[in-house]
Structure formats: C-alpha cells, structure tokens
C-alpha cells in the first residue's frame, strides 16, 4: 500500500519558504548596502565620528591656584584689581563674567586705570596702614551722595557720603563718594556702606570701598573715574553674586 506524498510535499515547501526568507535577509558582501564594517568590493566605509577636543573652561588671566581657590563657585561676576607692585598705589581694573555654559570666565570691560592704597598692598590690613587688603571679597551693597543711577545692587543715597578736604597729593576729595560700592572686608554684608560694624575688630580697619577717583592714592580703597563707577553700578548684578579679586600682580599670581 502506497503512502500519500502530499503532506511531505507541503512540509518541504514550507521549510524552503522559511529558509528562503531568512537567506533573503542576509546581504552578501558584494551588496553595496552590505553590513557595516564589511570589506571587499562595493563595501560601504564605516562612518567617521568627529571627536570634539576637550577645552578647559577659561580662567581669569593672572590668577594663580591659591587665588582661584578663593573664588566662590557661585560667583558669576568678578572685578579684578591688579596692582602694579606691592608698594604701588596704581592699579588696573577689569570686569569678568562667568559663562553659564561652563566655558569659563570671559572679559566684559577694562582694563581701567585705578588708584589703591597710598602704600600699596597687604595680606593683613590694619587700620591706618594706608594699604589695600589682598584677597577675594563679596560685593553686595552700594550707595553714594548722588541719586541712584540705576544700580542693580541695593543703593543707599545718603548725605553722609559727602566728603571734603585734600588727598595725599593736595587734590580735592569732594565728590569721591558720589558713587561707592562697599568691599566686604571686615563689614556686615547687606548693610549700607556707611555701617561701621567691624566683625574682626576696629584694629583690622574697614570702610574699604570702590569709589570715585580723586586723582591720587587712597587710604586703602580702590578708585575709578566717575563714568567707570557708574558703569560698574549698572553692571554688577546681585543675582550673579559678584566678587572683587584684588592685590598686587605677584600676590594674585600665587
């Protein structure tokens, strides 16, 4: 008795159909659209990948590792005062901003000529030593005898900023405090620049400001021309937690 052949024929046909579909899914090495990385005639080269070189965030020129370590991580603005020498009363001021895209610091303005303490700089300021303190300090408060020009920092307009008399070179001091920004050395942040509270004690001095230049050295402050002071007041933004980095060139490079 003969066995029917139809079931076997169907099974073979089904097997060939499955194998045929699978084989059709495999590209030969001669196929121009063959698998990535295939070699041989007609093979497509592996796509090249452009690797961006690492670029370290830009730092503020002239500042050494000790000085940079004092910069708060949250600061986005820095006023950099670079003295010509440890005993010099002449300096230069530059304003920097830190980019939120982590590309580092970039210059915004300056350099502007400035004066500092009559006797230069010190890393331990004392009252009446006629030297400007070296370091990194916050800038949180402003004020002056003249009306607020549009300062972003809290501004205290007060007649108490009026000054008279002569400077070290015989120059008139009138108008020196028309605009001021308090430097947070031995003072309470968030108060008027006129506040005389001295957390480290009166012997460590205080009342260190950025103010209008009177054409000569200061008792310890940093001074800029009136137009530059106005520009500074319109630029310093408390939301960016501005600081001042100040000292002679050799001290800042440490």
Protein backbone atom coordinates (compact mmCIF):
# COMPACT_ATOMS: atom_id res chain seq x y z
CA UNK A 1 0.00 0.00 0.00
CA UNK A 2 1.49 3.35 -1.05
CA UNK A 3 1.79 6.33 1.40
CA UNK A 4 0.34 9.63 0.21
CA UNK A 5 3.11 12.13 -0.66
CA UNK A 6 1.09 15.34 -0.24
CA UNK A 7 1.95 16.03 3.48
CA UNK A 8 5.67 15.63 2.85
CA UNK A 9 5.50 17.94 -0.16
CA UNK A 10 3.79 20.59 1.96
CA UNK A 11 6.40 20.30 4.73
CA UNK A 12 9.30 20.62 2.26
CA UNK A 13 7.69 23.62 0.60
CA UNK A 14 7.14 25.30 3.97
CA UNK A 15 10.79 24.61 5.00
CA UNK A 16 12.10 26.08 1.74
CA UNK A 17 9.89 29.13 2.19
CA UNK A 18 11.29 29.78 5.69
CA UNK A 19 14.89 29.23 4.60
CA UNK A 20 14.36 31.40 1.55
CA UNK A 21 13.05 34.32 3.67
CA UNK A 22 15.96 34.04 6.09
CA UNK A 23 18.51 33.83 3.33
CA UNK A 24 16.99 36.85 1.67
CA UNK A 25 17.53 38.88 4.85
CA UNK A 26 21.32 38.32 4.77
CA UNK A 27 23.15 40.75 2.49
CA UNK A 28 26.08 39.40 0.57
CA UNK A 29 29.47 41.05 0.85
CA UNK A 30 29.06 42.18 -2.75
CA UNK A 31 25.93 44.16 -1.87
CA UNK A 32 26.79 47.91 -1.75
CA UNK A 33 24.39 48.24 1.13
CA UNK A 34 26.02 45.36 2.96
CA UNK A 35 26.60 45.16 6.70
CA UNK A 36 28.58 47.99 8.39
CA UNK A 37 32.27 47.26 8.55
CA UNK A 38 32.19 44.77 5.63
CA UNK A 39 35.25 44.71 3.44
CA UNK A 40 35.60 43.97 -0.20
CA UNK A 41 34.48 45.50 -3.46
CA UNK A 42 31.49 47.79 -3.08
CA UNK A 43 31.50 47.74 0.74
CA UNK A 44 30.43 50.97 2.40
CA UNK A 45 33.14 52.51 4.61
CA UNK A 46 32.31 52.84 8.29
CA UNK A 47 31.10 56.36 9.02
CA UNK A 48 33.78 58.53 10.68
CA UNK A 49 33.00 60.16 14.03
CA UNK A 50 34.31 63.66 14.77
CA UNK A 51 35.50 63.89 18.35
CA UNK A 52 35.49 67.41 19.75
CA UNK A 53 38.76 68.18 21.56
CA UNK A 54 38.40 68.89 25.26
CA UNK A 55 38.64 72.59 26.02
CA UNK A 56 39.19 73.51 29.66
CA UNK A 57 36.98 76.34 30.94
CA UNK A 58 38.74 79.68 30.63
CA UNK A 59 40.23 81.09 33.81
CA UNK A 60 40.89 84.72 34.65
CA UNK A 61 44.39 85.63 33.39
CA UNK A 62 46.99 86.40 36.03
CA UNK A 63 45.33 84.48 38.87
CA UNK A 64 47.27 81.62 40.41
CA UNK A 65 45.87 78.47 42.06
CA UNK A 66 45.68 79.95 45.58
CA UNK A 67 43.72 82.96 44.34
CA UNK A 68 41.44 80.90 42.12
CA UNK A 69 40.65 78.61 45.04
CA UNK A 70 39.16 81.59 46.89
CA UNK A 71 36.63 82.33 44.15
CA UNK A 72 33.17 81.13 45.24
CA UNK A 73 31.72 78.51 42.92
CA UNK A 74 28.51 80.55 42.71
CA UNK A 75 30.17 83.81 41.63
CA UNK A 76 29.33 84.85 38.05
CA UNK A 77 30.94 88.30 38.06
CA UNK A 78 34.41 89.33 39.20
CA UNK A 79 36.04 92.76 39.45
CA UNK A 80 39.78 92.10 39.20
CA UNK A 81 42.07 94.81 40.59
CA UNK A 82 45.72 94.21 39.73
CA UNK A 83 48.26 96.43 41.45
CA UNK A 84 51.46 97.33 39.65
CA UNK A 85 53.56 96.24 42.63
CA UNK A 86 53.34 95.51 46.37
CA UNK A 87 54.18 99.12 47.25
CA UNK A 88 52.49 100.82 44.30
CA UNK A 89 49.29 102.86 44.58
CA UNK A 90 48.42 102.43 40.91
CA UNK A 91 46.44 99.52 39.55
CA UNK A 92 44.18 98.35 36.73
CA UNK A 93 40.59 97.12 36.98
CA UNK A 94 38.93 94.56 34.71
CA UNK A 95 35.43 93.14 34.88
CA UNK A 96 34.85 89.46 34.10
CA UNK A 97 31.74 87.33 33.73
CA UNK A 98 31.47 83.56 34.04
CA UNK A 99 29.56 81.90 31.24
CA UNK A 100 26.65 79.72 32.34
CA UNK A 101 27.54 77.20 29.61
CA UNK A 102 30.65 76.26 31.68
CA UNK A 103 33.03 77.76 29.13
CA UNK A 104 34.59 79.71 31.97
CA UNK A 105 35.35 83.37 32.52
CA UNK A 106 35.30 86.00 29.79
CA UNK A 107 36.26 89.69 29.92
CA UNK A 108 33.42 92.20 29.97
CA UNK A 109 35.16 95.56 30.39
CA UNK A 110 38.51 97.18 31.08
CA UNK A 111 41.27 97.43 31.84
CA UNK A 112 40.57 100.77 33.53
CA UNK A 113 43.25 102.78 35.35
CA UNK A 114 42.70 102.97 39.10
CA UNK A 115 44.27 104.00 42.38
CA UNK A 116 44.63 101.91 45.52
CA UNK A 117 46.16 102.45 48.96
CA UNK A 118 48.95 105.01 49.28
CA UNK A 119 51.47 102.39 50.50
CA UNK A 120 50.36 99.58 48.19
CA UNK A 121 49.03 96.19 49.29
CA UNK A 122 48.95 93.88 52.31
CA UNK A 123 47.60 90.43 53.14
CA UNK A 124 46.92 91.60 56.73
CA UNK A 125 45.29 95.00 56.57
CA UNK A 126 45.34 97.12 59.73
CA UNK A 127 43.62 100.40 60.46
CA UNK A 128 45.53 103.39 59.10
CA UNK A 129 48.28 101.32 57.42
CA UNK A 130 47.41 103.03 54.09
CA UNK A 131 47.47 99.70 52.27
CA UNK A 132 44.69 97.90 50.40
CA UNK A 133 43.78 94.39 51.56
CA UNK A 134 44.69 91.46 49.31
CA UNK A 135 42.03 88.83 48.75
CA UNK A 136 38.63 87.91 47.31
CA UNK A 137 35.66 89.73 48.80
CA UNK A 138 31.95 89.94 48.07
CA UNK A 139 30.24 92.98 46.55
CA UNK A 140 26.72 93.24 47.92
CA UNK A 141 25.97 96.88 48.69
CA UNK A 142 26.31 100.29 47.06
CA UNK A 143 25.45 103.90 47.76
CA UNK A 144 26.54 107.47 47.30
CA UNK A 145 25.80 111.16 47.68
CA UNK A 146 24.21 111.29 44.21
CA UNK A 147 20.86 109.70 43.33
CA UNK A 148 20.80 106.05 42.32
CA UNK A 149 21.88 105.87 38.65
CA UNK A 150 20.05 102.57 38.21
CA UNK A 151 22.27 100.29 40.29
CA UNK A 152 21.34 96.63 40.50
CA UNK A 153 22.91 96.31 43.95
CA UNK A 154 20.96 97.82 46.87
CA UNK A 155 21.78 101.54 46.78
CA UNK A 156 21.83 103.90 49.77
CA UNK A 157 21.55 107.56 48.77
CA UNK A 158 22.74 109.48 51.78
CA UNK A 159 24.22 112.89 52.56
CA UNK A 160 26.66 111.07 54.85
CA UNK A 161 28.71 110.25 51.74
CA UNK A 162 29.65 113.93 51.35
CA UNK A 163 33.39 114.47 51.86
CA UNK A 164 35.75 117.43 51.83
CA UNK A 165 39.41 118.14 52.39
CA UNK A 166 42.51 117.18 50.41
CA UNK A 167 44.15 113.94 49.38
CA UNK A 168 47.79 112.88 49.71
CA UNK A 169 48.81 114.94 46.68
CA UNK A 170 46.80 118.01 47.68
CA UNK A 171 43.93 117.09 45.34
CA UNK A 172 40.37 117.91 46.48
CA UNK A 173 38.41 114.95 47.85
CA UNK A 174 34.99 116.44 47.16
CA UNK A 175 32.81 114.08 45.13
CA UNK A 176 34.90 110.99 45.90
CA UNK A 177 31.93 109.24 47.47
CA UNK A 178 29.32 110.34 44.96
CA UNK A 179 29.19 106.65 43.99
CA UNK A 180 30.58 103.79 46.07
CA UNK A 181 30.46 100.00 46.15
CA UNK A 182 31.31 98.51 49.52
CA UNK A 183 34.01 95.81 49.53
CA UNK A 184 33.06 93.12 52.04
CA UNK A 185 36.26 93.35 54.04
CA UNK A 186 35.57 93.46 57.80
CA UNK A 187 31.99 94.58 57.35
CA UNK A 188 28.48 93.12 57.55
CA UNK A 189 27.09 92.28 54.13
CA UNK A 190 23.60 93.54 53.38
CA UNK A 191 24.03 96.88 55.15
CA UNK A 192 24.77 100.39 53.93
CA UNK A 193 28.41 101.10 53.09
CA UNK A 194 28.21 103.66 55.89
CA UNK A 195 27.61 100.94 58.51
CA UNK A 196 30.65 100.90 60.82
CA UNK A 197 30.26 97.40 62.28
CA UNK A 198 33.67 95.66 62.19
CA UNK A 199 33.31 91.88 62.80
CA UNK A 200 37.12 91.38 63.05
CA UNK A 201 37.57 94.38 65.33
CA UNK A 202 38.33 98.03 64.72
CA UNK A 203 42.10 97.39 64.65
CA UNK A 204 41.70 95.48 61.39
CA UNK A 205 40.36 98.54 59.62
CA UNK A 206 37.31 98.80 57.40
CA UNK A 207 35.37 101.14 55.17
CA UNK A 208 37.16 99.71 52.13
CA UNK A 209 35.18 100.77 49.06
CA UNK A 210 35.35 101.15 45.32
CA UNK A 211 34.67 104.86 44.84
CA UNK A 212 35.14 107.82 42.51
CA UNK A 213 38.79 108.63 41.83
CA UNK A 214 40.04 111.98 43.13
CA UNK A 215 43.31 111.95 41.20
CA UNK A 216 45.55 110.40 43.83
CA UNK A 217 46.14 107.36 46.06
CA UNK A 218 43.60 106.28 48.67
CA UNK A 219 43.75 105.22 52.30
CA UNK A 220 43.02 101.63 51.27
CA UNK A 221 40.11 101.83 48.83
CA UNK A 222 40.09 101.31 45.06
CA UNK A 223 39.08 104.33 42.98
CA UNK A 224 37.82 104.67 39.40
CA UNK A 225 36.71 107.63 37.30
CA UNK A 226 33.08 108.65 37.80
CA UNK A 227 31.93 107.29 34.44
CA UNK A 228 33.50 103.92 35.20
CA UNK A 229 31.88 103.85 38.62
CA UNK A 230 28.51 104.48 37.01
CA UNK A 231 29.16 101.69 34.52
CA UNK A 232 30.11 99.35 37.35
CA UNK A 233 26.93 100.16 39.26
CA UNK A 234 24.83 99.42 36.18
CA UNK A 235 26.61 96.09 35.62
CA UNK A 236 27.11 94.42 38.99
CA UNK A 237 24.17 92.08 39.50
CA UNK A 238 23.42 90.60 42.94
CA UNK A 239 21.88 87.57 41.22
CA UNK A 240 25.36 86.79 39.86
CA UNK A 241 26.98 87.09 43.31
CA UNK A 242 29.77 89.46 42.24
CA UNK A 243 33.15 89.48 43.96
CA UNK A 244 36.27 91.63 43.85
CA UNK A 245 39.68 89.98 43.42
CA UNK A 246 42.33 92.46 44.50
CA UNK A 247 46.07 92.57 45.10
CA UNK A 248 49.40 93.28 43.50
CA UNK A 249 50.31 91.26 40.43
CA UNK A 250 52.69 88.90 42.25
CA UNK A 251 50.22 88.15 45.06
CA UNK A 252 47.36 87.39 42.64
CA UNK A 253 49.61 85.00 40.69
CA UNK A 254 50.17 82.77 43.71
